[in-house]
Amino acid sequence: MIALALPLIALGWWRFGWRAAAGFALGCLIGYVNFYWLKRVINAFVDRAAGGQASQSSGGVVFRLVFRYLLMALGAYVILTVSPASLNGLLAGFFLPVGAILCEAAFEVYTAIARGI
């Protein structure tokens, strides 16, 4: 995600200006944290469902699940009040994990074809 975010931030700065690039950078940061927390929440749920030893409390898991959406809403509110022009960049940055997943899928398909699988 970081390898995808940095050139896109630079491209956004060049094409749309620093406000949109700053909004995109904030959106990328929130998207990254959101993806990381979602991964941890899913791992905790799977661990509990499999009957494994719970290393995280239920309250912490639920907090991260809910706080992800609060963080996105807070970022959108701050950007909207400070610079409405940056809101589009913020919303685009939220989709950084989607772009990273698409890059990973393309790499896996290429690897499978190259190996003849």
PDB file of N, CA and C in Angstrom:
ATOM      1  N   MET A   1       0.828  -1.198   0.000  1.00  0.00           N
ATOM      2  CA  MET A   1       0.000   0.000   0.000  1.00  0.00           C
ATOM      3  C   MET A   1       0.870   1.257   0.000  1.00  0.00           C
ATOM      4  N   ILE A   2       1.977   1.197   0.722  1.00  0.00           N
ATOM      5  CA  ILE A   2       2.860   2.366   0.778  1.00  0.00           C
ATOM      6  C   ILE A   2       3.497   2.611  -0.584  1.00  0.00           C
ATOM      7  N   ALA A   3       3.895   1.524  -1.264  1.00  0.00           N
ATOM      8  CA  ALA A   3       4.506   1.670  -2.589  1.00  0.00           C
ATOM      9  C   ALA A   3       3.514   2.236  -3.598  1.00  0.00           C
ATOM     10  N   LEU A   4       2.252   2.012  -3.400  1.00  0.00           N
ATOM     11  CA  LEU A   4       1.222   2.552  -4.283  1.00  0.00           C
ATOM     12  C   LEU A   4       0.858   3.979  -3.883  1.00  0.00           C
ATOM     13  N   ALA A   5       0.853   4.266  -2.590  1.00  0.00           N
ATOM     14  CA  ALA A   5       0.418   5.576  -2.098  1.00  0.00           C
ATOM     15  C   ALA A   5       1.388   6.696  -2.466  1.00  0.00           C
ATOM     16  N   LEU A   6       2.681   6.463  -2.305  1.00  0.00           N
ATOM     17  CA  LEU A   6       3.654   7.542  -2.511  1.00  0.00           C
ATOM     18  C   LEU A   6       3.633   8.117  -3.929  1.00  0.00           C
ATOM     19  N   PRO A   7       3.691   7.282  -4.984  1.00  0.00           N
ATOM     20  CA  PRO A   7       3.627   7.891  -6.317  1.00  0.00           C
ATOM     21  C   PRO A   7       2.269   8.529  -6.621  1.00  0.00           C
ATOM     22  N   LEU A   8       1.191   7.950  -6.063  1.00  0.00           N
ATOM     23  CA  LEU A   8      -0.126   8.540  -6.303  1.00  0.00           C
ATOM     24  C   LEU A   8      -0.286   9.887  -5.597  1.00  0.00           C
ATOM     25  N   ILE A   9       0.311  10.037  -4.434  1.00  0.00           N
ATOM     26  CA  ILE A   9       0.285  11.334  -3.745  1.00  0.00           C
ATOM     27  C   ILE A   9       1.042  12.373  -4.568  1.00  0.00           C
ATOM     28  N   ALA A  10       2.223  11.979  -5.069  1.00  0.00           N
ATOM     29  CA  ALA A  10       3.012  12.906  -5.894  1.00  0.00           C
ATOM     30  C   ALA A  10       2.256  13.270  -7.174  1.00  0.00           C
ATOM     31  N   LEU A  11       1.632  12.288  -7.797  1.00  0.00           N
ATOM     32  CA  LEU A  11       0.847  12.544  -9.003  1.00  0.00           C
ATOM     33  C   LEU A  11      -0.349  13.449  -8.699  1.00  0.00           C
ATOM     34  N   GLY A  12      -0.997  13.211  -7.582  1.00  0.00           N
ATOM     35  CA  GLY A  12      -2.119  14.065  -7.185  1.00  0.00           C
ATOM     36  C   GLY A  12      -1.689  15.493  -6.900  1.00  0.00           C
ATOM     37  N   TRP A  13      -0.521  15.662  -6.294  1.00  0.00           N
ATOM     38  CA  TRP A  13       0.005  17.000  -6.017  1.00  0.00           C
ATOM     39  C   TRP A  13       0.260  17.724  -7.340  1.00  0.00           C
ATOM     40  N   TRP A  14       0.883  17.022  -8.269  1.00  0.00           N
ATOM     41  CA  TRP A  14       1.205  17.633  -9.562  1.00  0.00           C
ATOM     42  C   TRP A  14      -0.057  17.961 -10.342  1.00  0.00           C
ATOM     43  N   ARG A  15      -1.050  17.071 -10.320  1.00  0.00           N
ATOM     44  CA  ARG A  15      -2.240  17.239 -11.166  1.00  0.00           C
ATOM     45  C   ARG A  15      -3.318  18.108 -10.519  1.00  0.00           C
ATOM     46  N   PHE A  16      -3.549  17.934  -9.199  1.00  0.00           N
ATOM     47  CA  PHE A  16      -4.681  18.595  -8.551  1.00  0.00           C
ATOM     48  C   PHE A  16      -4.295  19.617  -7.489  1.00  0.00           C
ATOM     49  N   GLY A  17      -3.030  19.733  -7.152  1.00  0.00           N
ATOM     50  CA  GLY A  17      -2.601  20.697  -6.147  1.00  0.00           C
ATOM     51  C   GLY A  17      -2.374  20.053  -4.783  1.00  0.00           C
ATOM     52  N   TRP A  18      -1.821  20.864  -3.894  1.00  0.00           N
ATOM     53  CA  TRP A  18      -1.424  20.319  -2.598  1.00  0.00           C
ATOM     54  C   TRP A  18      -2.605  19.980  -1.705  1.00  0.00           C
ATOM     55  N   ARG A  19      -3.725  20.689  -1.830  1.00  0.00           N
ATOM     56  CA  ARG A  19      -4.875  20.393  -0.970  1.00  0.00           C
ATOM     57  C   ARG A  19      -5.451  19.012  -1.266  1.00  0.00           C
ATOM     58  N   ALA A  20      -5.627  18.717  -2.524  1.00  0.00           N
ATOM     59  CA  ALA A  20      -6.149  17.389  -2.892  1.00  0.00           C
ATOM     60  C   ALA A  20      -5.145  16.300  -2.527  1.00  0.00           C
ATOM     61  N   ALA A  21      -3.855  16.585  -2.705  1.00  0.00           N
ATOM     62  CA  ALA A  21      -2.822  15.609  -2.353  1.00  0.00           C
ATOM     63  C   ALA A  21      -2.785  15.374  -0.848  1.00  0.00           C
ATOM     64  N   ALA A  22      -2.965  16.434  -0.063  1.00  0.00           N
ATOM     65  CA  ALA A  22      -3.004  16.272   1.390  1.00  0.00           C
ATOM     66  C   ALA A  22      -4.227  15.464   1.814  1.00  0.00           C
ATOM     67  N   GLY A  23      -5.357  15.727   1.198  1.00  0.00           N
ATOM     68  CA  GLY A  23      -6.552  14.942   1.485  1.00  0.00           C
ATOM     69  C   GLY A  23      -6.362  13.489   1.099  1.00  0.00           C
ATOM     70  N   PHE A  24      -5.730  13.248  -0.044  1.00  0.00           N
ATOM     71  CA  PHE A  24      -5.458  11.887  -0.486  1.00  0.00           C
ATOM     72  C   PHE A  24      -4.500  11.186   0.469  1.00  0.00           C
ATOM     73  N   ALA A  25      -3.466  11.899   0.921  1.00  0.00           N
ATOM     74  CA  ALA A  25      -2.506  11.321   1.860  1.00  0.00           C
ATOM     75  C   ALA A  25      -3.193  10.944   3.166  1.00  0.00           C
ATOM     76  N   LEU A  26      -4.070  11.814   3.662  1.00  0.00           N
ATOM     77  CA  LEU A  26      -4.809  11.497   4.885  1.00  0.00           C
ATOM     78  C   LEU A  26      -5.736  10.306   4.652  1.00  0.00           C
ATOM     79  N   GLY A  27      -6.376  10.265   3.503  1.00  0.00           N
ATOM     80  CA  GLY A  27      -7.228   9.130   3.171  1.00  0.00           C
ATOM     81  C   GLY A  27      -6.441   7.833   3.073  1.00  0.00           C
ATOM     82  N   CYS A  28      -5.239   7.903   2.501  1.00  0.00           N
ATOM     83  CA  CYS A  28      -4.381   6.720   2.428  1.00  0.00           C
ATOM     84  C   CYS A  28      -3.983   6.235   3.813  1.00  0.00           C
ATOM     85  N   LEU A  29      -3.652   7.170   4.678  1.00  0.00           N
ATOM     86  CA  LEU A  29      -3.284   6.809   6.049  1.00  0.00           C
ATOM     87  C   LEU A  29      -4.459   6.152   6.766  1.00  0.00           C
ATOM     88  N   ILE A  30      -5.627   6.751   6.656  1.00  0.00           N
ATOM     89  CA  ILE A  30      -6.810   6.179   7.289  1.00  0.00           C
ATOM     90  C   ILE A  30      -7.149   4.827   6.653  1.00  0.00           C
ATOM     91  N   GLY A  31      -7.023   4.714   5.332  1.00  0.00           N
ATOM     92  CA  GLY A  31      -7.276   3.446   4.654  1.00  0.00           C
ATOM     93  C   GLY A  31      -6.320   2.350   5.109  1.00  0.00           C
ATOM     94  N   TYR A  32      -5.057   2.701   5.304  1.00  0.00           N
ATOM     95  CA  TYR A  32      -4.062   1.733   5.771  1.00  0.00           C
ATOM     96  C   TYR A  32      -4.380   1.271   7.188  1.00  0.00           C
ATOM     97  N   VAL A  33      -4.646   2.226   8.075  1.00  0.00           N
ATOM     98  CA  VAL A  33      -4.979   1.882   9.459  1.00  0.00           C
ATOM     99  C   VAL A  33      -6.270   1.064   9.498  1.00  0.00           C
ATOM    100  N   ASN A  34      -7.243   1.454   8.694  1.00  0.00           N
ATOM    101  CA  ASN A  34      -8.504   0.734   8.620  1.00  0.00           C
ATOM    102  C   ASN A  34      -8.266  -0.718   8.192  1.00  0.00           C
ATOM    103  N   PHE A  35      -7.456  -0.943   7.170  1.00  0.00           N
ATOM    104  CA  PHE A  35      -7.167  -2.287   6.688  1.00  0.00           C
ATOM    105  C   PHE A  35      -6.425  -3.097   7.750  1.00  0.00           C
ATOM    106  N   TYR A  36      -5.453  -2.483   8.401  1.00  0.00           N
ATOM    107  CA  TYR A  36      -4.682  -3.169   9.441  1.00  0.00           C
ATOM    108  C   TYR A  36      -5.584  -3.588  10.597  1.00  0.00           C
ATOM    109  N   TRP A  37      -6.438  -2.672  11.061  1.00  0.00           N
ATOM    110  CA  TRP A  37      -7.340  -3.005  12.158  1.00  0.00           C
ATOM    111  C   TRP A  37      -8.356  -4.058  11.739  1.00  0.00           C
ATOM    112  N   LEU A  38      -8.852  -3.973  10.522  1.00  0.00           N
ATOM    113  CA  LEU A  38      -9.797  -4.977  10.040  1.00  0.00           C
ATOM    114  C   LEU A  38      -9.151  -6.356  10.025  1.00  0.00           C
ATOM    115  N   LYS A  39      -7.901  -6.414   9.602  1.00  0.00           N
ATOM    116  CA  LYS A  39      -7.169  -7.681   9.603  1.00  0.00           C
ATOM    117  C   LYS A  39      -7.031  -8.242  11.017  1.00  0.00           C
ATOM    118  N   ARG A  40      -6.721  -7.381  11.954  1.00  0.00           N
ATOM    119  CA  ARG A  40      -6.588  -7.834  13.345  1.00  0.00           C
ATOM    120  C   ARG A  40      -7.920  -8.282  13.919  1.00  0.00           C
ATOM    121  N   VAL A  41      -9.003  -7.570  13.596  1.00  0.00           N
ATOM    122  CA  VAL A  41     -10.325  -7.946  14.090  1.00  0.00           C
ATOM    123  C   VAL A  41     -10.723  -9.308  13.533  1.00  0.00           C
ATOM    124  N   ILE A  42     -10.503  -9.514  12.251  1.00  0.00           N
ATOM    125  CA  ILE A  42     -10.861 -10.796  11.634  1.00  0.00           C
ATOM    126  C   ILE A  42     -10.026 -11.926  12.228  1.00  0.00           C
ATOM    127  N   ASN A  43      -8.742 -11.690  12.424  1.00  0.00           N
ATOM    128  CA  ASN A  43      -7.900 -12.713  13.056  1.00  0.00           C
ATOM    129  C   ASN A  43      -8.383 -13.046  14.462  1.00  0.00           C
ATOM    130  N   ALA A  44      -8.808 -12.038  15.220  1.00  0.00           N
ATOM    131  CA  ALA A  44      -9.313 -12.277  16.572  1.00  0.00           C
ATOM    132  C   ALA A  44     -10.619 -13.077  16.531  1.00  0.00           C
ATOM    133  N   PHE A  45     -11.506 -12.738  15.594  1.00  0.00           N
ATOM    134  CA  PHE A  45     -12.758 -13.490  15.469  1.00  0.00           C
ATOM    135  C   PHE A  45     -12.485 -14.943  15.080  1.00  0.00           C
ATOM    136  N   VAL A  46     -11.584 -15.149  14.139  1.00  0.00           N
ATOM    137  CA  VAL A  46     -11.250 -16.515  13.715  1.00  0.00           C
ATOM    138  C   VAL A  46     -10.614 -17.283  14.859  1.00  0.00           C
ATOM    139  N   ASP A  47      -9.741 -16.630  15.603  1.00  0.00           N
ATOM    140  CA  ASP A  47      -9.099 -17.277  16.740  1.00  0.00           C
ATOM    141  C   ASP A  47     -10.130 -17.693  17.776  1.00  0.00           C
ATOM    142  N   ARG A  48     -11.086 -16.837  18.060  1.00  0.00           N
ATOM    143  CA  ARG A  48     -12.140 -17.178  19.030  1.00  0.00           C
ATOM    144  C   ARG A  48     -13.040 -18.291  18.504  1.00  0.00           C
ATOM    145  N   ALA A  49     -13.377 -18.237  17.214  1.00  0.00           N
ATOM    146  CA  ALA A  49     -14.264 -19.251  16.638  1.00  0.00           C
ATOM    147  C   ALA A  49     -13.593 -20.624  16.601  1.00  0.00           C
ATOM    148  N   ALA A  50     -12.280 -20.635  16.417  1.00  0.00           N
ATOM    149  CA  ALA A  50     -11.547 -21.892  16.361  1.00  0.00           C
ATOM    150  C   ALA A  50     -11.248 -22.439  17.748  1.00  0.00           C
ATOM    151  N   GLY A  51     -11.588 -21.681  18.776  1.00  0.00           N
ATOM    152  CA  GLY A  51     -11.359 -22.135  20.145  1.00  0.00           C
ATOM    153  C   GLY A  51      -9.937 -21.951  20.606  1.00  0.00           C
ATOM    154  N   GLY A  52      -9.205 -21.120  19.918  1.00  0.00           N
ATOM    155  CA  GLY A  52      -7.817 -20.847  20.297  1.00  0.00           C
ATOM    156  C   GLY A  52      -7.752 -19.968  21.535  1.00  0.00           C
ATOM    157  N   GLN A  53      -6.555 -19.822  22.026  1.00  0.00           N
ATOM    158  CA  GLN A  53      -6.362 -18.984  23.199  1.00  0.00           C
ATOM    159  C   GLN A  53      -6.542 -17.526  22.811  1.00  0.00           C
ATOM    160  N   ALA A  54      -7.473 -16.849  23.449  1.00  0.00           N
ATOM    161  CA  ALA A  54      -7.787 -15.455  23.122  1.00  0.00           C
ATOM    162  C   ALA A  54      -6.712 -14.550  23.696  1.00  0.00           C
ATOM    163  N   SER A  55      -6.006 -13.863  22.815  1.00  0.00           N
ATOM    164  CA  SER A  55      -4.965 -12.947  23.274  1.00  0.00           C
ATOM    165  C   SER A  55      -5.488 -11.519  23.387  1.00  0.00           C
ATOM    166  N   GLN A  56      -6.683 -11.270  22.848  1.00  0.00           N
ATOM    167  CA  GLN A  56      -7.258  -9.933  22.875  1.00  0.00           C
ATOM    168  C   GLN A  56      -8.617  -9.989  23.556  1.00  0.00           C
ATOM    169  N   SER A  57      -8.940  -8.940  24.270  1.00  0.00           N
ATOM    170  CA  SER A  57     -10.239  -8.895  24.926  1.00  0.00           C
ATOM    171  C   SER A  57     -11.335  -8.611  23.912  1.00  0.00           C
ATOM    172  N   SER A  58     -12.536  -9.037  24.236  1.00  0.00           N
ATOM    173  CA  SER A  58     -13.673  -8.793  23.337  1.00  0.00           C
ATOM    174  C   SER A  58     -13.923  -7.303  23.184  1.00  0.00           C
ATOM    175  N   GLY A  59     -13.766  -6.559  24.263  1.00  0.00           N
ATOM    176  CA  GLY A  59     -13.976  -5.114  24.208  1.00  0.00           C
ATOM    177  C   GLY A  59     -13.007  -4.431  23.258  1.00  0.00           C
ATOM    178  N   GLY A  60     -11.741  -4.871  23.266  1.00  0.00           N
ATOM    179  CA  GLY A  60     -10.748  -4.285  22.365  1.00  0.00           C
ATOM    180  C   GLY A  60     -11.043  -4.581  20.908  1.00  0.00           C
ATOM    181  N   VAL A  61     -11.525  -5.792  20.646  1.00  0.00           N
ATOM    182  CA  VAL A  61     -11.861  -6.174  19.275  1.00  0.00           C
ATOM    183  C   VAL A  61     -13.032  -5.335  18.771  1.00  0.00           C
ATOM    184  N   VAL A  62     -14.065  -5.211  19.590  1.00  0.00           N
ATOM    185  CA  VAL A  62     -15.248  -4.433  19.203  1.00  0.00           C
ATOM    186  C   VAL A  62     -14.886  -2.959  19.071  1.00  0.00           C
ATOM    187  N   PHE A  63     -14.036  -2.450  19.961  1.00  0.00           N
ATOM    188  CA  PHE A  63     -13.615  -1.053  19.890  1.00  0.00           C
ATOM    189  C   PHE A  63     -12.941  -0.766  18.550  1.00  0.00           C
ATOM    190  N   ARG A  64     -12.012  -1.644  18.137  1.00  0.00           N
ATOM    191  CA  ARG A  64     -11.328  -1.427  16.860  1.00  0.00           C
ATOM    192  C   ARG A  64     -12.293  -1.525  15.683  1.00  0.00           C
ATOM    193  N   LEU A  65     -13.264  -2.427  15.799  1.00  0.00           N
ATOM    194  CA  LEU A  65     -14.235  -2.578  14.727  1.00  0.00           C
ATOM    195  C   LEU A  65     -15.057  -1.303  14.547  1.00  0.00           C
ATOM    196  N   VAL A  66     -15.498  -0.715  15.647  1.00  0.00           N
ATOM    197  CA  VAL A  66     -16.321   0.500  15.590  1.00  0.00           C
ATOM    198  C   VAL A  66     -15.462   1.739  15.327  1.00  0.00           C
ATOM    199  N   PHE A  67     -14.270   1.783  15.925  1.00  0.00           N
ATOM    200  CA  PHE A  67     -13.420   2.963  15.814  1.00  0.00           C
ATOM    201  C   PHE A  67     -12.947   3.189  14.386  1.00  0.00           C
ATOM    202  N   ARG A  68     -12.885   2.129  13.574  1.00  0.00           N
ATOM    203  CA  ARG A  68     -12.505   2.288  12.169  1.00  0.00           C
ATOM    204  C   ARG A  68     -13.439   3.265  11.469  1.00  0.00           C
ATOM    205  N   TYR A  69     -14.730   3.093  11.686  1.00  0.00           N
ATOM    206  CA  TYR A  69     -15.708   3.956  11.021  1.00  0.00           C
ATOM    207  C   TYR A  69     -15.717   5.365  11.620  1.00  0.00           C
ATOM    208  N   LEU A  70     -15.499   5.451  12.910  1.00  0.00           N
ATOM    209  CA  LEU A  70     -15.418   6.775  13.534  1.00  0.00           C
ATOM    210  C   LEU A  70     -14.207   7.548  13.009  1.00  0.00           C
ATOM    211  N   LEU A  71     -13.105   6.852  12.801  1.00  0.00           N
ATOM    212  CA  LEU A  71     -11.908   7.493  12.274  1.00  0.00           C
ATOM    213  C   LEU A  71     -12.146   8.021  10.863  1.00  0.00           C
ATOM    214  N   MET A  72     -12.823   7.244  10.025  1.00  0.00           N
ATOM    215  CA  MET A  72     -13.117   7.710   8.669  1.00  0.00           C
ATOM    216  C   MET A  72     -14.056   8.919   8.705  1.00  0.00           C
ATOM    217  N   ALA A  73     -15.070   8.868   9.560  1.00  0.00           N
ATOM    218  CA  ALA A  73     -16.010   9.988   9.658  1.00  0.00           C
ATOM    219  C   ALA A  73     -15.309  11.245  10.182  1.00  0.00           C
ATOM    220  N   LEU A  74     -14.437  11.089  11.168  1.00  0.00           N
ATOM    221  CA  LEU A  74     -13.702  12.237  11.701  1.00  0.00           C
ATOM    222  C   LEU A  74     -12.789  12.846  10.651  1.00  0.00           C
ATOM    223  N   GLY A  75     -12.095  12.002   9.886  1.00  0.00           N
ATOM    224  CA  GLY A  75     -11.237  12.512   8.811  1.00  0.00           C
ATOM    225  C   GLY A  75     -12.042  13.278   7.774  1.00  0.00           C
ATOM    226  N   ALA A  76     -13.194  12.744   7.387  1.00  0.00           N
ATOM    227  CA  ALA A  76     -14.042  13.429   6.409  1.00  0.00           C
ATOM    228  C   ALA A  76     -14.548  14.751   6.965  1.00  0.00           C
ATOM    229  N   TYR A  77     -14.926  14.774   8.250  1.00  0.00           N
ATOM    230  CA  TYR A  77     -15.422  16.012   8.859  1.00  0.00           C
ATOM    231  C   TYR A  77     -14.336  17.082   8.900  1.00  0.00           C
ATOM    232  N   VAL A  78     -13.135  16.700   9.317  1.00  0.00           N
ATOM    233  CA  VAL A  78     -12.032  17.663   9.409  1.00  0.00           C
ATOM    234  C   VAL A  78     -11.692  18.208   8.028  1.00  0.00           C
ATOM    235  N   ILE A  79     -11.583  17.340   7.050  1.00  0.00           N
ATOM    236  CA  ILE A  79     -11.260  17.790   5.698  1.00  0.00           C
ATOM    237  C   ILE A  79     -12.363  18.689   5.158  1.00  0.00           C
ATOM    238  N   LEU A  80     -13.609  18.332   5.414  1.00  0.00           N
ATOM    239  CA  LEU A  80     -14.727  19.119   4.896  1.00  0.00           C
ATOM    240  C   LEU A  80     -14.772  20.509   5.520  1.00  0.00           C
ATOM    241  N   THR A  81     -14.455  20.623   6.809  1.00  0.00           N
ATOM    242  CA  THR A  81     -14.492  21.933   7.458  1.00  0.00           C
ATOM    243  C   THR A  81     -13.270  22.774   7.113  1.00  0.00           C
ATOM    244  N   VAL A  82     -12.115  22.137   6.913  1.00  0.00           N
ATOM    245  CA  VAL A  82     -10.892  22.884   6.626  1.00  0.00           C
ATOM    246  C   VAL A  82     -10.811  23.241   5.145  1.00  0.00           C
ATOM    247  N   SER A  83     -11.018  22.263   4.287  1.00  0.00           N
ATOM    248  CA  SER A  83     -10.881  22.482   2.854  1.00  0.00           C
ATOM    249  C   SER A  83     -11.802  21.532   2.102  1.00  0.00           C
ATOM    250  N   PRO A  84     -12.982  21.985   1.716  1.00  0.00           N
ATOM    251  CA  PRO A  84     -13.907  21.098   0.995  1.00  0.00           C
ATOM    252  C   PRO A  84     -13.327  20.531  -0.303  1.00  0.00           C
ATOM    253  N   ALA A  85     -12.371  21.225  -0.897  1.00  0.00           N
ATOM    254  CA  ALA A  85     -11.757  20.736  -2.135  1.00  0.00           C
ATOM    255  C   ALA A  85     -10.954  19.461  -1.903  1.00  0.00           C
ATOM    256  N   SER A  86     -10.505  19.219  -0.684  1.00  0.00           N
ATOM    257  CA  SER A  86      -9.692  18.047  -0.378  1.00  0.00           C
ATOM    258  C   SER A  86     -10.526  16.808  -0.099  1.00  0.00           C
ATOM    259  N   LEU A  87     -11.841  16.963  -0.001  1.00  0.00           N
ATOM    260  CA  LEU A  87     -12.699  15.829   0.334  1.00  0.00           C
ATOM    261  C   LEU A  87     -12.622  14.740  -0.734  1.00  0.00           C
ATOM    262  N   ASN A  88     -12.574  15.111  -1.998  1.00  0.00           N
ATOM    263  CA  ASN A  88     -12.451  14.102  -3.057  1.00  0.00           C
ATOM    264  C   ASN A  88     -11.154  13.313  -2.915  1.00  0.00           C
ATOM    265  N   GLY A  89     -10.074  13.984  -2.581  1.00  0.00           N
ATOM    266  CA  GLY A  89      -8.804  13.293  -2.357  1.00  0.00           C
ATOM    267  C   GLY A  89      -8.878  12.337  -1.181  1.00  0.00           C
ATOM    268  N   LEU A  90      -9.539  12.764  -0.109  1.00  0.00           N
ATOM    269  CA  LEU A  90      -9.697  11.912   1.067  1.00  0.00           C
ATOM    270  C   LEU A  90     -10.483  10.661   0.708  1.00  0.00           C
ATOM    271  N   LEU A  91     -11.586  10.836   0.011  1.00  0.00           N
ATOM    272  CA  LEU A  91     -12.410   9.694  -0.362  1.00  0.00           C
ATOM    273  C   LEU A  91     -11.654   8.755  -1.296  1.00  0.00           C
ATOM    274  N   ALA A  92     -10.854   9.292  -2.202  1.00  0.00           N
ATOM    275  CA  ALA A  92     -10.043   8.449  -3.079  1.00  0.00           C
ATOM    276  C   ALA A  92      -8.994   7.685  -2.270  1.00  0.00           C
ATOM    277  N   GLY A  93      -8.433   8.324  -1.259  1.00  0.00           N
ATOM    278  CA  GLY A  93      -7.435   7.667  -0.415  1.00  0.00           C
ATOM    279  C   GLY A  93      -8.009   6.508   0.376  1.00  0.00           C
ATOM    280  N   PHE A  94      -9.291   6.577   0.708  1.00  0.00           N
ATOM    281  CA  PHE A  94      -9.927   5.466   1.422  1.00  0.00           C
ATOM    282  C   PHE A  94      -9.854   4.174   0.614  1.00  0.00           C
ATOM    283  N   PHE A  95      -9.759   4.298  -0.711  1.00  0.00           N
ATOM    284  CA  PHE A  95      -9.749   3.125  -1.574  1.00  0.00           C
ATOM    285  C   PHE A  95      -8.343   2.603  -1.868  1.00  0.00           C
ATOM    286  N   LEU A  96      -7.340   3.096  -1.168  1.00  0.00           N
ATOM    287  CA  LEU A  96      -5.981   2.608  -1.352  1.00  0.00           C
ATOM    288  C   LEU A  96      -5.877   1.097  -1.153  1.00  0.00           C
ATOM    289  N   PRO A  97      -6.485   0.503  -0.120  1.00  0.00           N
ATOM    290  CA  PRO A  97      -6.400  -0.958   0.024  1.00  0.00           C
ATOM    291  C   PRO A  97      -6.967  -1.709  -1.179  1.00  0.00           C
ATOM    292  N   VAL A  98      -7.985  -1.161  -1.824  1.00  0.00           N
ATOM    293  CA  VAL A  98      -8.551  -1.821  -2.999  1.00  0.00           C
ATOM    294  C   VAL A  98      -7.512  -1.872  -4.121  1.00  0.00           C
ATOM    295  N   GLY A  99      -6.815  -0.773  -4.349  1.00  0.00           N
ATOM    296  CA  GLY A  99      -5.766  -0.752  -5.362  1.00  0.00           C
ATOM    297  C   GLY A  99      -4.631  -1.708  -5.027  1.00  0.00           C
ATOM    298  N   ALA A 100      -4.270  -1.770  -3.756  1.00  0.00           N
ATOM    299  CA  ALA A 100      -3.206  -2.689  -3.340  1.00  0.00           C
ATOM    300  C   ALA A 100      -3.631  -4.140  -3.525  1.00  0.00           C
ATOM    301  N   ILE A 101      -4.879  -4.448  -3.232  1.00  0.00           N
ATOM    302  CA  ILE A 101      -5.390  -5.809  -3.421  1.00  0.00           C
ATOM    303  C   ILE A 101      -5.408  -6.157  -4.908  1.00  0.00           C
ATOM    304  N   LEU A 102      -5.790  -5.214  -5.762  1.00  0.00           N
ATOM    305  CA  LEU A 102      -5.775  -5.465  -7.197  1.00  0.00           C
ATOM    306  C   LEU A 102      -4.355  -5.715  -7.704  1.00  0.00           C
ATOM    307  N   CYS A 103      -3.389  -4.963  -7.203  1.00  0.00           N
ATOM    308  CA  CYS A 103      -1.993  -5.189  -7.587  1.00  0.00           C
ATOM    309  C   CYS A 103      -1.526  -6.576  -7.143  1.00  0.00           C
ATOM    310  N   GLU A 104      -1.889  -6.977  -5.941  1.00  0.00           N
ATOM    311  CA  GLU A 104      -1.524  -8.299  -5.433  1.00  0.00           C
ATOM    312  C   GLU A 104      -2.177  -9.401  -6.262  1.00  0.00           C
ATOM    313  N   ALA A 105      -3.444  -9.221  -6.631  1.00  0.00           N
ATOM    314  CA  ALA A 105      -4.136 -10.212  -7.448  1.00  0.00           C
ATOM    315  C   ALA A 105      -3.484 -10.330  -8.824  1.00  0.00           C
ATOM    316  N   ALA A 106      -3.120  -9.206  -9.425  1.00  0.00           N
ATOM    317  CA  ALA A 106      -2.453  -9.239 -10.729  1.00  0.00           C
ATOM    318  C   ALA A 106      -1.105  -9.955 -10.631  1.00  0.00           C
ATOM    319  N   PHE A 107      -0.377  -9.703  -9.561  1.00  0.00           N
ATOM    320  CA  PHE A 107       0.909 -10.382  -9.359  1.00  0.00           C
ATOM    321  C   PHE A 107       0.715 -11.886  -9.210  1.00  0.00           C
ATOM    322  N   GLU A 108      -0.289 -12.302  -8.449  1.00  0.00           N
ATOM    323  CA  GLU A 108      -0.543 -13.730  -8.255  1.00  0.00           C
ATOM    324  C   GLU A 108      -0.952 -14.404  -9.560  1.00  0.00           C
ATOM    325  N   VAL A 109      -1.774 -13.737 -10.364  1.00  0.00           N
ATOM    326  CA  VAL A 109      -2.170 -14.295 -11.660  1.00  0.00           C
ATOM    327  C   VAL A 109      -0.952 -14.417 -12.562  1.00  0.00           C
ATOM    328  N   TYR A 110      -0.125 -13.379 -12.605  1.00  0.00           N
ATOM    329  CA  TYR A 110       1.096 -13.422 -13.413  1.00  0.00           C
ATOM    330  C   TYR A 110       2.009 -14.566 -12.965  1.00  0.00           C
ATOM    331  N   THR A 111       2.192 -14.727 -11.667  1.00  0.00           N
ATOM    332  CA  THR A 111       3.042 -15.792 -11.139  1.00  0.00           C
ATOM    333  C   THR A 111       2.492 -17.157 -11.495  1.00  0.00           C
ATOM    334  N   ALA A 112       1.190 -17.323 -11.376  1.00  0.00           N
ATOM    335  CA  ALA A 112       0.579 -18.613 -11.716  1.00  0.00           C
ATOM    336  C   ALA A 112       0.734 -18.923 -13.206  1.00  0.00           C
ATOM    337  N   ILE A 113       0.557 -17.931 -14.053  1.00  0.00           N
ATOM    338  CA  ILE A 113       0.708 -18.154 -15.498  1.00  0.00           C
ATOM    339  C   ILE A 113       2.178 -18.442 -15.841  1.00  0.00           C
ATOM    340  N   ALA A 114       3.098 -17.714 -15.222  1.00  0.00           N
ATOM    341  CA  ALA A 114       4.520 -17.911 -15.497  1.00  0.00           C
ATOM    342  C   ALA A 114       4.990 -19.303 -15.069  1.00  0.00           C
ATOM    343  N   ARG A 115       4.416 -19.843 -14.009  1.00  0.00           N
ATOM    344  CA  ARG A 115       4.783 -21.176 -13.536  1.00  0.00           C
ATOM    345  C   ARG A 115       4.005 -22.284 -14.229  1.00  0.00           C
ATOM    346  N   GLY A 116       3.041 -21.899 -15.046  1.00  0.00           N
ATOM    347  CA  GLY A 116       2.263 -22.883 -15.777  1.00  0.00           C
ATOM    348  C   GLY A 116       1.229 -23.596 -14.929  1.00  0.00           C
ATOM    349  N   ILE A 117       0.758 -22.933 -13.914  1.00  0.00           N
ATOM    350  CA  ILE A 117      -0.225 -23.562 -13.009  1.00  0.00           C
ATOM    351  C   ILE A 117      -1.617 -23.410 -13.561  1.00  0.00           C
TER     352      ILE A 117
END
